[in-house]
């Protein structure tokens, strides 16, 4: 079948099915992707249920949004749309290159116009995913007046788009790519952002995000200028990249056709562009990666290069809607590893309880960092993105809660022992319940409220946490909290924290002379090793006489009573 005819059948089919109430639900059952918190992304003022979206060019008029949202996409671009309808370039204008897993198109922004798209989007009764409207200029509009076309598109579609994509990189509209360079880019983006602000004031609410889609066919100097100009303009992000005019390494006869090439031959170049953008902006300008994604490994490479979201197009043409599930299944592999570890520790606890033995594990939690968190941490710690799997130890993390400090040792020995041939890289934190409570308080103080809490309020909150932490938390928490106290201004410390700083410092210095440890801990987060520290914790625990309610398990209650009796006897012997 002719590729363009097949294209129209896809759009017509999804458009028709999307309008029949039971059909979208059926499509979601067959091809949908389950949303998980670890793959979901919040950015550009939108919630993306999954990180894989549909690139522009397939649904040019916004006719099949419901259908595409039902087959696993987390967002989609519609368009490119121009102010006025235009037929595009002469046919044939779309070619498949199966041996190269690529497409060549020279469509030329064929679309029904901005008003027609506005009508399609206005008729949507349900919107499950963000819709980005990709806007361009009409072929007949000279570059000197291009800003007027982009402004018209924004005015017509502002009320219906979740975000906008400025397309200045298609190779199929004469001279369009010239808008990427020099003052033309700066002036165009200034006009676009002014119009966005005008529409925001008219419609109310927060301004909607604008992204710029750039070409891969630029040298390093051109790319640096583009990125710098885009970042300075107030634009929210970049889509990297559009199709390429390069034909390197192609074997099919259609390689000689003019137009933009998409698919696997574009994969490495688009990833390199993403990497350069991320380095130049230090990760501060979000990137959507597009170009040559067929597998989860392809998507992950772009994420490691710096992309927060990714888009596919050609893979959908060649592999059908199942490709979404395959890509997401691969991205969830980290989640599977995390769940596997949690199951192992929970099984250990269940087995001990089944044998009526004391189980040192109270409960187990775990998580895998979101993509946005991984990127932010790699920038903060200066870890190259191609080394994040080994350079950031807590991409996957397990937290094990215990009742007593001695329980930490028992769990640690279990983890250190040989447990099979399979390796899973994960950070494991082992804490008592008291440690976890005050570590949570400290985390909030250190990372979440440092810039907003007044010094005196922050000091008072920390004082309360410290008084309890130095009783229950051990040296590692004391040192961490001490570092936090010392980071406060002298005035705040002089008012509320001076005596406490000295008290905590003396306690830390007196604990076996060991070198203080800071958060995050190393060696499986187990640093309670010296008997002096353990003894001090026991003494403090006895002073507090914690009132822990009887558990359902008689074994746990008995063990607790025995531990408390032993502690009391030990203290009596020492006092004698």
Foldseek 3Di string as FASTA:
>chain_A
DQVVVVLVVVLVVLLVQLVDVVRLVVLLVVAADDFDPQQWDDDLNFTQSHQEEAEEDSAAQLRRQSSRNSRHHREYEHHQAWAAADQFDDPPAWDDQVVQLKIFGLRGRHDHHLLSSQVNLVPDPDHDHAYEYEYFYHLPDDLVCGLVGLLSSCVSCVVRHQEYEYEQAWPNRPPSVVCLDDVSVLVSLLSNVVSQVVVCVVVDDDGGAYEYAHALPDDPVSLLVSLVSCVVSPHQAYEFHWFYQDLPPGDDPCSPPGGGMAAQVFQVSSLVSLLSSCVSVLLRRAYEYEGHDQALVSVVSSLLSRHQHYYYHSNCVVPNSNSSVRNVVVVCVLVVLLVVVQVVLVVQQVVCVVVLHDRFFPHKDWDAHHSSVLSVVCSVVVPRSVCSVPPPQARIEMETEGAALVSQVVVLVVVPDDDDDDDDRHQYAYYYPLQVVLVVVVCCLPPPCVVPDDLQVSLVSLVVSQVSCVQAPWLQVLVQSLVVLVVGDPVNCVVRNVVVNVVSVVVNCPQVNDDHDYPPDPSSSDDPDDPSRSLSNLVSCLVVVDDDDDDPRVSNVVVVVVVSVVSVVVVVVVVD
